[in-house]
C-alpha atoms as a PDB file:
ATOM      1  CA  MET A   1      -0.011   0.028   0.043  1.00  0.00           C
ATOM      2  CA  ALA A   2       1.242   3.399  -0.868  1.00  0.00           C
ATOM      3  CA  LEU A   3       1.020   6.517   1.408  1.00  0.00           C
ATOM      4  CA  ARG A   4      -0.810   9.056  -0.833  1.00  0.00           C
ATOM      5  CA  THR A   5      -0.420  12.543   0.078  1.00  0.00           C
ATOM      6  CA  ARG A   6      -0.442  16.010  -1.894  1.00  0.00           C
ATOM      7  CA  LEU A   7       3.161  15.577  -2.240  1.00  0.00           C
ATOM      8  CA  THR A   8       2.873  12.457  -4.072  1.00  0.00           C
ATOM      9  CA  ASP A   9       0.377  13.864  -6.446  1.00  0.00           C
ATOM     10  CA  ILE A  10       2.609  16.976  -7.056  1.00  0.00           C
ATOM     11  CA  LEU A  11       5.606  14.986  -7.940  1.00  0.00           C
ATOM     12  CA  GLY A  12       4.032  12.045  -9.480  1.00  0.00           C
ATOM     13  CA  ILE A  13       5.656   9.382  -7.361  1.00  0.00           C
ATOM     14  CA  GLU A  14       4.227   6.409  -5.459  1.00  0.00           C
ATOM     15  CA  HIS A  15       5.689   6.950  -1.898  1.00  0.00           C
ATOM     16  CA  PRO A  16       6.032  10.370  -0.094  1.00  0.00           C
ATOM     17  CA  ILE A  17       9.917  10.023   0.177  1.00  0.00           C
ATOM     18  CA  ILE A  18      12.432  12.272  -1.268  1.00  0.00           C
ATOM     19  CA  GLN A  19      15.964  11.046  -1.064  1.00  0.00           C
ATOM     20  CA  GLY A  20      18.586  13.815   0.068  1.00  0.00           C
ATOM     21  CA  GLY A  21      20.638  15.567  -2.583  1.00  0.00           C
ATOM     22  CA  MET A  22      23.881  14.866  -0.913  1.00  0.00           C
ATOM     23  CA  ALA A  23      26.920  16.406  -2.583  1.00  0.00           C
ATOM     24  CA  TRP A  24      29.585  13.881  -3.581  1.00  0.00           C
ATOM     25  CA  THR A  25      27.074  11.132  -2.612  1.00  0.00           C
ATOM     26  CA  ALA A  26      23.934  11.284  -4.538  1.00  0.00           C
ATOM     27  CA  THR A  27      24.792  10.421  -8.158  1.00  0.00           C
ATOM     28  CA  ALA A  28      22.890   9.166 -10.864  1.00  0.00           C
ATOM     29  CA  GLU A  29      22.875   5.308  -9.520  1.00  0.00           C
ATOM     30  CA  LEU A  30      21.464   6.171  -6.324  1.00  0.00           C
ATOM     31  CA  ALA A  31      18.862   8.782  -7.777  1.00  0.00           C
ATOM     32  CA  ALA A  32      17.737   6.370 -10.194  1.00  0.00           C
ATOM     33  CA  ALA A  33      17.269   3.446  -7.829  1.00  0.00           C
ATOM     34  CA  VAL A  34      15.196   5.406  -5.431  1.00  0.00           C
ATOM     35  CA  SER A  35      13.118   6.881  -8.212  1.00  0.00           C
ATOM     36  CA  ASN A  36      12.720   3.251  -9.683  1.00  0.00           C
ATOM     37  CA  ALA A  37      11.647   2.324  -6.053  1.00  0.00           C
ATOM     38  CA  GLY A  38       8.808   4.725  -5.809  1.00  0.00           C
ATOM     39  CA  GLY A  39      10.482   7.700  -4.237  1.00  0.00           C
ATOM     40  CA  LEU A  40      11.990  10.862  -5.773  1.00  0.00           C
ATOM     41  CA  GLY A  41      15.565  10.244  -6.422  1.00  0.00           C
ATOM     42  CA  VAL A  42      17.838  13.476  -6.365  1.00  0.00           C
ATOM     43  CA  ILE A  43      21.157  14.133  -7.992  1.00  0.00           C
ATOM     44  CA  GLY A  44      23.359  16.255  -5.629  1.00  0.00           C
ATOM     45  CA  ALA A  45      24.795  18.839  -7.810  1.00  0.00           C
ATOM     46  CA  GLY A  46      27.057  20.596  -5.001  1.00  0.00           C
ATOM     47  CA  HIS A  47      29.925  22.208  -6.847  1.00  0.00           C
ATOM     48  CA  MET A  48      29.891  19.951  -9.907  1.00  0.00           C
ATOM     49  CA  PRO A  49      31.018  21.327 -13.162  1.00  0.00           C
ATOM     50  CA  THR A  50      28.159  21.828 -15.689  1.00  0.00           C
ATOM     51  CA  ASP A  51      29.225  19.152 -17.966  1.00  0.00           C
ATOM     52  CA  VAL A  52      29.453  16.542 -14.954  1.00  0.00           C
ATOM     53  CA  LEU A  53      25.905  17.582 -13.992  1.00  0.00           C
ATOM     54  CA  ARG A  54      24.838  17.363 -17.664  1.00  0.00           C
ATOM     55  CA  GLU A  55      26.257  13.896 -17.796  1.00  0.00           C
ATOM     56  CA  GLN A  56      24.687  12.693 -14.318  1.00  0.00           C
ATOM     57  CA  ILE A  57      21.131  13.789 -15.534  1.00  0.00           C
ATOM     58  CA  ARG A  58      21.670  11.846 -18.933  1.00  0.00           C
ATOM     59  CA  LYS A  59      22.819   8.833 -17.021  1.00  0.00           C
ATOM     60  CA  THR A  60      19.844   8.956 -14.761  1.00  0.00           C
ATOM     61  CA  LYS A  61      17.403   9.272 -17.534  1.00  0.00           C
ATOM     62  CA  GLU A  62      19.108   5.865 -18.911  1.00  0.00           C
ATOM     63  CA  LEU A  63      18.422   4.141 -15.592  1.00  0.00           C
ATOM     64  CA  THR A  64      14.934   5.306 -14.820  1.00  0.00           C
ATOM     65  CA  ASP A  65      11.931   6.591 -16.604  1.00  0.00           C
ATOM     66  CA  LYS A  66      10.358   7.890 -13.365  1.00  0.00           C
ATOM     67  CA  PRO A  67      10.497  11.472 -11.931  1.00  0.00           C
ATOM     68  CA  PHE A  68      13.635  12.417 -10.415  1.00  0.00           C
ATOM     69  CA  GLY A  69      15.282  15.715  -9.197  1.00  0.00           C
ATOM     70  CA  VAL A  70      18.421  17.822  -8.866  1.00  0.00           C
ATOM     71  CA  ASN A  71      19.682  19.605  -5.720  1.00  0.00           C
ATOM     72  CA  LEU A  72      21.038  23.008  -6.283  1.00  0.00           C
ATOM     73  CA  MET A  73      23.148  24.596  -3.504  1.00  0.00           C
ATOM     74  CA  LEU A  74      22.358  28.321  -4.057  1.00  0.00           C
ATOM     75  CA  LEU A  75      25.896  29.459  -2.709  1.00  0.00           C
ATOM     76  CA  THR A  76      27.635  27.327  -5.381  1.00  0.00           C
ATOM     77  CA  PRO A  77      29.940  30.117  -7.342  1.00  0.00           C
ATOM     78  CA  HIS A  78      28.540  28.787 -10.735  1.00  0.00           C
ATOM     79  CA  ILE A  79      24.984  28.330  -9.689  1.00  0.00           C
ATOM     80  CA  ASP A  80      23.666  30.229 -12.687  1.00  0.00           C
ATOM     81  CA  GLU A  81      25.120  27.689 -15.009  1.00  0.00           C
ATOM     82  CA  LEU A  82      23.924  24.657 -13.022  1.00  0.00           C
ATOM     83  CA  ALA A  83      20.436  26.162 -13.152  1.00  0.00           C
ATOM     84  CA  GLU A  84      20.662  26.517 -16.866  1.00  0.00           C
ATOM     85  CA  VAL A  85      21.681  22.791 -17.308  1.00  0.00           C
ATOM     86  CA  VAL A  86      18.497  21.652 -15.204  1.00  0.00           C
ATOM     87  CA  LEU A  87      16.420  23.933 -17.390  1.00  0.00           C
ATOM     88  CA  ALA A  88      17.626  22.571 -20.436  1.00  0.00           C
ATOM     89  CA  HIS A  89      17.255  18.908 -19.662  1.00  0.00           C
ATOM     90  CA  ASP A  90      13.572  18.476 -18.528  1.00  0.00           C
ATOM     91  CA  VAL A  91      14.310  17.625 -14.996  1.00  0.00           C
ATOM     92  CA  HIS A  92      11.104  16.900 -13.107  1.00  0.00           C
ATOM     93  CA  ALA A  93      11.922  18.805  -9.762  1.00  0.00           C
ATOM     94  CA  VAL A  94      14.600  20.638  -7.956  1.00  0.00           C
ATOM     95  CA  THR A  95      15.157  20.929  -4.286  1.00  0.00           C
ATOM     96  CA  THR A  96      17.409  23.824  -3.152  1.00  0.00           C
ATOM     97  CA  GLY A  97      19.314  24.860  -0.123  1.00  0.00           C
ATOM     98  CA  ALA A  98      21.368  27.569   1.289  1.00  0.00           C
ATOM     99  CA  GLY A  99      19.364  30.387   0.056  1.00  0.00           C
ATOM    100  CA  ASN A 100      16.399  31.674  -1.914  1.00  0.00           C
ATOM    101  CA  PRO A 101      15.593  30.294  -5.201  1.00  0.00           C
ATOM    102  CA  GLY A 102      13.377  33.367  -6.144  1.00  0.00           C
ATOM    103  CA  LYS A 103      15.820  34.264  -8.984  1.00  0.00           C
ATOM    104  CA  TYR A 104      15.073  30.951 -10.929  1.00  0.00           C
ATOM    105  CA  MET A 105      11.345  30.525  -9.993  1.00  0.00           C
ATOM    106  CA  ALA A 106       9.869  31.965 -13.011  1.00  0.00           C
ATOM    107  CA  ALA A 107      11.931  29.966 -15.343  1.00  0.00           C
ATOM    108  CA  PHE A 108      11.475  26.772 -13.386  1.00  0.00           C
ATOM    109  CA  LYS A 109       7.865  27.349 -13.459  1.00  0.00           C
ATOM    110  CA  GLU A 110       7.894  28.121 -17.264  1.00  0.00           C
ATOM    111  CA  LYS A 111       9.381  24.554 -17.834  1.00  0.00           C
ATOM    112  CA  GLY A 112       7.012  22.847 -15.520  1.00  0.00           C
ATOM    113  CA  ILE A 113       9.706  21.993 -12.835  1.00  0.00           C
ATOM    114  CA  ARG A 114       8.387  21.305  -9.356  1.00  0.00           C
ATOM    115  CA  VAL A 115      10.555  23.434  -6.813  1.00  0.00           C
ATOM    116  CA  LEU A 116      11.111  22.364  -3.362  1.00  0.00           C
ATOM    117  CA  PRO A 117      13.277  24.839  -1.194  1.00  0.00           C
ATOM    118  CA  ILE A 118      14.862  23.882   2.038  1.00  0.00           C
ATOM    119  CA  ALA A 119      13.660  26.050   4.944  1.00  0.00           C
ATOM    120  CA  PRO A 120      14.941  25.958   8.359  1.00  0.00           C
ATOM    121  CA  SER A 121      12.573  28.676   9.611  1.00  0.00           C
ATOM    122  CA  VAL A 122       9.142  29.842   9.574  1.00  0.00           C
ATOM    123  CA  ALA A 123       9.788  33.244   8.006  1.00  0.00           C
ATOM    124  CA  LEU A 124      11.810  31.826   5.129  1.00  0.00           C
ATOM    125  CA  ALA A 125       9.045  29.043   4.442  1.00  0.00           C
ATOM    126  CA  ARG A 126       6.420  31.857   4.292  1.00  0.00           C
ATOM    127  CA  ARG A 127       8.638  33.771   1.712  1.00  0.00           C
ATOM    128  CA  LEU A 128       9.159  30.767  -0.265  1.00  0.00           C
ATOM    129  CA  GLU A 129       5.483  29.991  -0.377  1.00  0.00           C
ATOM    130  CA  SER A 130       4.683  33.507  -1.484  1.00  0.00           C
ATOM    131  CA  ILE A 131       7.031  33.229  -4.626  1.00  0.00           C
ATOM    132  CA  GLY A 132       5.736  29.875  -5.661  1.00  0.00           C
ATOM    133  CA  ALA A 133       7.450  26.948  -4.028  1.00  0.00           C
ATOM    134  CA  ASP A 134       5.372  23.704  -4.469  1.00  0.00           C
ATOM    135  CA  ALA A 135       6.497  22.306  -1.120  1.00  0.00           C
ATOM    136  CA  ILE A 136       8.611  23.202   1.756  1.00  0.00           C
ATOM    137  CA  ILE A 137      11.492  20.973   3.113  1.00  0.00           C
ATOM    138  CA  GLY A 138      11.870  21.657   6.749  1.00  0.00           C
ATOM    139  CA  GLU A 139      15.181  20.530   7.695  1.00  0.00           C
ATOM    140  CA  GLY A 140      15.883  19.960  11.408  1.00  0.00           C
ATOM    141  CA  MET A 141      19.419  20.262  13.064  1.00  0.00           C
ATOM    142  CA  GLU A 142      19.539  16.560  13.385  1.00  0.00           C
ATOM    143  CA  ALA A 143      20.495  16.311   9.775  1.00  0.00           C
ATOM    144  CA  GLY A 144      23.867  15.693   8.233  1.00  0.00           C
ATOM    145  CA  GLY A 145      25.728  18.598   6.448  1.00  0.00           C
ATOM    146  CA  HIS A 146      24.636  21.955   6.633  1.00  0.00           C
ATOM    147  CA  ILE A 147      22.021  22.664   9.352  1.00  0.00           C
ATOM    148  CA  GLY A 148      19.843  25.266  11.093  1.00  0.00           C
ATOM    149  CA  GLU A 149      19.099  25.905  14.663  1.00  0.00           C
ATOM    150  CA  LEU A 150      15.728  23.985  15.295  1.00  0.00           C
ATOM    151  CA  THR A 151      14.949  20.466  15.656  1.00  0.00           C
ATOM    152  CA  THR A 152      12.773  18.560  13.270  1.00  0.00           C
ATOM    153  CA  MET A 153      10.195  17.911  16.098  1.00  0.00           C
ATOM    154  CA  VAL A 154       9.902  21.470  16.716  1.00  0.00           C
ATOM    155  CA  LEU A 155      10.306  22.844  13.131  1.00  0.00           C
ATOM    156  CA  THR A 156       7.791  20.737  11.338  1.00  0.00           C
ATOM    157  CA  PRO A 157       4.495  21.481  13.208  1.00  0.00           C
ATOM    158  CA  GLN A 158       5.346  25.220  12.855  1.00  0.00           C
ATOM    159  CA  LEU A 159       5.903  24.962   9.037  1.00  0.00           C
ATOM    160  CA  VAL A 160       2.663  23.033   8.823  1.00  0.00           C
ATOM    161  CA  ASP A 161       0.696  25.948  10.588  1.00  0.00           C
ATOM    162  CA  ALA A 162       2.497  28.692   8.669  1.00  0.00           C
ATOM    163  CA  VAL A 163       2.204  27.538   5.135  1.00  0.00           C
ATOM    164  CA  ASP A 164      -0.721  26.000   2.925  1.00  0.00           C
ATOM    165  CA  ILE A 165       1.678  24.074   0.539  1.00  0.00           C
ATOM    166  CA  PRO A 166       2.742  20.666   1.652  1.00  0.00           C
ATOM    167  CA  VAL A 167       5.666  20.204   4.327  1.00  0.00           C
ATOM    168  CA  VAL A 168       8.174  17.692   3.806  1.00  0.00           C
ATOM    169  CA  ALA A 169      10.142  16.856   7.110  1.00  0.00           C
ATOM    170  CA  ALA A 170      13.811  16.185   7.137  1.00  0.00           C
ATOM    171  CA  GLY A 171      16.553  15.435   9.526  1.00  0.00           C
ATOM    172  CA  GLY A 172      16.704  12.359  11.961  1.00  0.00           C
ATOM    173  CA  ILE A 173      14.353  10.180  10.037  1.00  0.00           C
ATOM    174  CA  ALA A 174      15.735   6.886   9.104  1.00  0.00           C
ATOM    175  CA  ASP A 175      12.760   4.407   9.522  1.00  0.00           C
ATOM    176  CA  GLY A 176       8.833   3.882   9.336  1.00  0.00           C
ATOM    177  CA  ARG A 177       8.533   5.192  12.900  1.00  0.00           C
ATOM    178  CA  GLY A 178      10.224   8.451  12.013  1.00  0.00           C
ATOM    179  CA  ILE A 179       7.840   8.644   9.080  1.00  0.00           C
ATOM    180  CA  ALA A 180       4.894   8.213  11.156  1.00  0.00           C
ATOM    181  CA  ALA A 181       6.027  10.537  13.762  1.00  0.00           C
ATOM    182  CA  VAL A 182       6.413  13.506  11.293  1.00  0.00           C
ATOM    183  CA  PHE A 183       3.105  12.540   9.618  1.00  0.00           C
ATOM    184  CA  ALA A 184       1.593  13.068  13.106  1.00  0.00           C
ATOM    185  CA  LEU A 185       2.931  16.670  13.067  1.00  0.00           C
ATOM    186  CA  GLY A 186       1.247  17.307   9.826  1.00  0.00           C
ATOM    187  CA  ALA A 187       4.023  16.638   7.268  1.00  0.00           C
ATOM    188  CA  GLU A 188       3.117  15.239   3.923  1.00  0.00           C
ATOM    189  CA  GLY A 189       6.294  13.659   3.054  1.00  0.00           C
ATOM    190  CA  VAL A 190      10.074  13.017   4.227  1.00  0.00           C
ATOM    191  CA  GLN A 191      13.365  13.856   2.911  1.00  0.00           C
ATOM    192  CA  ILE A 192      15.964  11.097   3.900  1.00  0.00           C
ATOM    193  CA  GLY A 193      19.632  11.227   3.454  1.00  0.00           C
ATOM    194  CA  THR A 194      21.850   9.288   5.942  1.00  0.00           C
ATOM    195  CA  ARG A 195      19.951   5.923   5.382  1.00  0.00           C
ATOM    196  CA  PHE A 196      20.439   6.068   1.817  1.00  0.00           C
ATOM    197  CA  MET A 197      24.319   6.361   2.072  1.00  0.00           C
ATOM    198  CA  CYS A 198      24.243   2.804   2.984  1.00  0.00           C
ATOM    199  CA  ALA A 199      22.039   2.000  -0.085  1.00  0.00           C
ATOM    200  CA  GLU A 200      23.859  -0.661  -2.224  1.00  0.00           C
ATOM    201  CA  GLU A 201      23.470   1.812  -5.167  1.00  0.00           C
ATOM    202  CA  CYS A 202      25.229   4.677  -3.360  1.00  0.00           C
ATOM    203  CA  THR A 203      28.552   5.100  -4.924  1.00  0.00           C
ATOM    204  CA  ILE A 204      30.357   6.527  -1.878  1.00  0.00           C
ATOM    205  CA  HIS A 205      33.647   4.782  -0.504  1.00  0.00           C
ATOM    206  CA  PRO A 206      32.756   1.655   1.104  1.00  0.00           C
ATOM    207  CA  ASP A 207      34.618   2.601   4.153  1.00  0.00           C
ATOM    208  CA  VAL A 208      32.200   5.512   4.854  1.00  0.00           C
ATOM    209  CA  LYS A 209      29.402   3.033   4.714  1.00  0.00           C
ATOM    210  CA  ASN A 210      31.080   1.024   7.044  1.00  0.00           C
ATOM    211  CA  ARG A 211      31.769   4.027   9.509  1.00  0.00           C
ATOM    212  CA  ILE A 212      28.165   4.890   9.406  1.00  0.00           C
ATOM    213  CA  LEU A 213      27.266   1.344  10.281  1.00  0.00           C
ATOM    214  CA  LYS A 214      29.422   1.426  13.336  1.00  0.00           C
ATOM    215  CA  ALA A 215      28.179   4.893  14.420  1.00  0.00           C
ATOM    216  CA  LYS A 216      26.950   5.227  18.033  1.00  0.00           C
ATOM    217  CA  ASP A 217      24.130   7.746  19.348  1.00  0.00           C
ATOM    218  CA  ARG A 218      26.578  10.390  20.023  1.00  0.00           C
ATOM    219  CA  ASP A 219      28.987   9.933  17.066  1.00  0.00           C
ATOM    220  CA  THR A 220      28.189  13.127  15.290  1.00  0.00           C
ATOM    221  CA  VAL A 221      29.233  16.633  16.188  1.00  0.00           C
ATOM    222  CA  VAL A 222      28.468  20.067  14.700  1.00  0.00           C
ATOM    223  CA  THR A 223      31.464  22.211  13.509  1.00  0.00           C
ATOM    224  CA  GLY A 224      31.660  25.759  11.663  1.00  0.00           C
ATOM    225  CA  TYR A 225      29.606  27.777  14.052  1.00  0.00           C
ATOM    226  CA  SER A 226      32.062  30.742  13.667  1.00  0.00           C
ATOM    227  CA  THR A 227      31.634  30.798   9.887  1.00  0.00           C
ATOM    228  CA  GLY A 228      27.841  31.079  10.142  1.00  0.00           C
ATOM    229  CA  HIS A 229      27.305  27.967   8.385  1.00  0.00           C
ATOM    230  CA  PRO A 230      27.398  25.007  10.827  1.00  0.00           C
ATOM    231  CA  VAL A 231      27.767  21.382   9.418  1.00  0.00           C
ATOM    232  CA  ARG A 232      27.016  18.140  11.193  1.00  0.00           C
ATOM    233  CA  VAL A 233      29.682  15.360  10.577  1.00  0.00           C
ATOM    234  CA  LEU A 234      30.874  12.037  12.175  1.00  0.00           C
ATOM    235  CA  LYS A 235      33.553  12.768  14.511  1.00  0.00           C
ATOM    236  CA  ASN A 236      37.168  12.189  13.624  1.00  0.00           C
ATOM    237  CA  LYS A 237      40.415  13.921  13.580  1.00  0.00           C
ATOM    238  CA  LEU A 238      39.245  16.591  11.208  1.00  0.00           C
ATOM    239  CA  SER A 239      36.218  17.524  13.278  1.00  0.00           C
ATOM    240  CA  ARG A 240      38.337  18.049  16.345  1.00  0.00           C
ATOM    241  CA  MET A 241      40.772  20.155  14.583  1.00  0.00           C
ATOM    242  CA  LEU A 242      37.689  22.285  13.237  1.00  0.00           C
ATOM    243  CA  GLU A 243      36.209  22.305  16.707  1.00  0.00           C
ATOM    244  CA  GLU A 244      39.149  23.819  17.898  1.00  0.00           C
ATOM    245  CA  LEU A 245      39.341  26.712  15.354  1.00  0.00           C
ATOM    246  CA  ASP A 246      35.629  27.307  16.229  1.00  0.00           C
ATOM    247  CA  ARG A 247      36.781  27.857  19.804  1.00  0.00           C
ATOM    248  CA  GLN A 248      39.296  30.182  18.924  1.00  0.00           C
ATOM    249  CA  ASN A 249      36.884  32.002  16.632  1.00  0.00           C
ATOM    250  CA  LYS A 250      39.101  31.594  13.462  1.00  0.00           C
ATOM    251  CA  PRO A 251      36.483  31.244  10.763  1.00  0.00           C
ATOM    252  CA  GLU A 252      38.832  32.002   7.822  1.00  0.00           C
ATOM    253  CA  GLU A 253      41.303  29.091   8.963  1.00  0.00           C
ATOM    254  CA  LEU A 254      38.216  26.850   9.577  1.00  0.00           C
ATOM    255  CA  GLU A 255      37.042  27.288   6.073  1.00  0.00           C
ATOM    256  CA  GLU A 256      40.499  26.811   4.452  1.00  0.00           C
ATOM    257  CA  LEU A 257      41.006  23.629   6.387  1.00  0.00           C
ATOM    258  CA  GLY A 258      37.570  22.368   5.548  1.00  0.00           C
ATOM    259  CA  SER A 259      37.925  23.097   1.761  1.00  0.00           C
ATOM    260  CA  GLY A 260      37.709  19.927  -0.370  1.00  0.00           C
ATOM    261  CA  LYS A 261      37.262  17.640   2.592  1.00  0.00           C
ATOM    262  CA  LEU A 262      33.821  16.286   1.694  1.00  0.00           C
ATOM    263  CA  SER A 263      34.975  14.624  -1.538  1.00  0.00           C
ATOM    264  CA  LEU A 264      38.165  13.429   0.290  1.00  0.00           C
ATOM    265  CA  ALA A 265      35.715  11.383   2.608  1.00  0.00           C
ATOM    266  CA  MET A 266      33.125  10.381   0.097  1.00  0.00           C
ATOM    267  CA  ARG A 267      35.274   9.726  -2.943  1.00  0.00           C
ATOM    268  CA  GLN A 268      38.439   8.646  -1.355  1.00  0.00           C
ATOM    269  CA  GLY A 269      37.446   7.097   1.844  1.00  0.00           C
ATOM    270  CA  ASP A 270      39.675   9.213   4.226  1.00  0.00           C
ATOM    271  CA  LEU A 271      37.926   8.826   7.674  1.00  0.00           C
ATOM    272  CA  ASP A 272      40.679  10.894   9.410  1.00  0.00           C
ATOM    273  CA  MET A 273      40.969  13.908   7.440  1.00  0.00           C
ATOM    274  CA  GLY A 274      37.642  13.771   5.252  1.00  0.00           C
ATOM    275  CA  SER A 275      34.528  15.558   6.334  1.00  0.00           C
ATOM    276  CA  VAL A 276      32.146  12.576   6.881  1.00  0.00           C
ATOM    277  CA  MET A 277      28.667  14.544   6.554  1.00  0.00           C
ATOM    278  CA  ALA A 278      26.046  12.309   8.314  1.00  0.00           C
ATOM    279  CA  GLY A 279      23.123  12.812  10.473  1.00  0.00           C
ATOM    280  CA  GLN A 280      22.304  11.913  14.001  1.00  0.00           C
ATOM    281  CA  ALA A 281      20.393   8.858  12.480  1.00  0.00           C
ATOM    282  CA  SER A 282      23.575   7.450  11.478  1.00  0.00           C
ATOM    283  CA  ALA A 283      23.263   5.096  14.724  1.00  0.00           C
ATOM    284  CA  MET A 284      19.911   3.704  13.314  1.00  0.00           C
ATOM    285  CA  VAL A 285      21.435   2.549  10.100  1.00  0.00           C
ATOM    286  CA  CYS A 286      22.239  -1.139  10.571  1.00  0.00           C
ATOM    287  CA  GLU A 287      22.978  -2.657   7.164  1.00  0.00           C
ATOM    288  CA  ILE A 288      23.541  -1.920   3.456  1.00  0.00           C
ATOM    289  CA  GLN A 289      20.621  -2.700   1.481  1.00  0.00           C
ATOM    290  CA  PRO A 290      19.223  -2.072  -2.136  1.00  0.00           C
ATOM    291  CA  ALA A 291      17.258   1.385  -2.300  1.00  0.00           C
ATOM    292  CA  LYS A 292      13.918  -0.481  -2.891  1.00  0.00           C
ATOM    293  CA  ARG A 293      14.351  -2.615   0.215  1.00  0.00           C
ATOM    294  CA  ILE A 294      14.943   0.590   2.180  1.00  0.00           C
ATOM    295  CA  ILE A 295      11.889   2.230   1.011  1.00  0.00           C
ATOM    296  CA  ASP A 296       9.682  -0.758   1.163  1.00  0.00           C
ATOM    297  CA  GLU A 297      10.757  -1.443   4.762  1.00  0.00           C
ATOM    298  CA  MET A 298      10.251   2.157   5.840  1.00  0.00           C
ATOM    299  CA  ILE A 299       6.567   2.349   4.383  1.00  0.00           C
ATOM    300  CA  ALA A 300       5.630  -0.982   5.892  1.00  0.00           C
ATOM    301  CA  ASP A 301       7.093   0.192   9.190  1.00  0.00           C
ATOM    302  CA  ALA A 302       5.118   3.467   8.866  1.00  0.00           C
ATOM    303  CA  GLU A 303       2.140   1.504   8.326  1.00  0.00           C
ATOM    304  CA  SER A 304       2.635  -0.584  11.326  1.00  0.00           C
ATOM    305  CA  ALA A 305       3.099   2.619  13.322  1.00  0.00           C
ATOM    306  CA  PHE A 306       0.038   4.091  11.890  1.00  0.00           C
ATOM    307  CA  VAL A 307      -2.067   0.828  13.110  1.00  0.00           C
ATOM    308  CA  ARG A 308      -0.489   1.023  16.677  1.00  0.00           C
ATOM    309  CA  MET A 309      -1.583   4.629  16.715  1.00  0.00           C
ATOM    310  CA  GLY A 310      -5.278   3.638  15.546  1.00  0.00           C
ATOM    311  CA  ALA A 311      -4.791   5.826  12.511  1.00  0.00           C
ATOM    312  CA  MET A 312      -5.110   2.928  10.001  1.00  0.00           C
ATOM    313  CA  PRO A 313      -7.002  -0.464  10.297  1.00  0.00           C
ATOM    314  CA  ALA A 314      -4.742  -3.493  10.247  1.00  0.00           C
ATOM    315  CA  GLU A 315      -6.475  -4.793   7.100  1.00  0.00           C
ATOM    316  CA  GLU A 316      -5.436  -1.764   4.902  1.00  0.00           C
ATOM    317  CA  THR A 317      -1.532  -2.481   5.515  1.00  0.00           C
ATOM    318  CA  LEU A 318       0.599  -4.444   3.263  1.00  0.00           C
ATOM    319  CA  ALA A 319       0.654  -7.208   5.915  1.00  0.00           C
END
């Protein structure tokens, strides 16, 4: 049984699950696998050169005929060129982070591209709704990578009360119980990143996957407060060095040290000096599985949680 919401109707997908657009992690292989499994797969553009993003879109289209998206980080220096690639290649949806996509909204709308920006606050969510966002991704500080100040549990219901478009909850969600919890708060979908890092189709270095599988509940830390752009990572030698620079209030040195460290981790498997961006849900990821199995398990577990809450009759579940 699929969980139908306004989000699934807007995106034309079976399940209200969006895969996080993680830079250096969410490649065509993962995006296509998630889309084929009924969710919305997302290519993480990050700082990709335009020709690389173009090739990733082409490859995704070879691997799936289902809707998929591209995540655009709006602080990327060549973001205008990346947006042009998206516009030129009939991508179904874009998720955006680190800013306001208003500059590109009219062009995206003209092409029929669904726009789902990340909003870590009520004020930004209202602004994004007013300029035409199709849904809001409310990302709590439990998430990996760049984070805001509010938790998913607190942020989600406030966004639901503040806007009329669907709210997608993100941060700290790794199983069906998490899906059921944020649905109880009014969300109509979820964005999941860390669990999909351990999908078989995810092309990150195997050592990173194994590090996530070994993670405990307190194994992540937030660095970069002094820069104004805090980031959640798994603890390692690099994170301790960054924490020390934070304590000394040396944002320039911190940014210089952190430059290029995400790819060092995800592509080269350096667990000491690489930036292993992953969320607090890392401790809930227990095995490497195909993306379809991950999604099927989460949906089945969500349905079981709905039954326990009395929100769904047992005979309506897949079981």
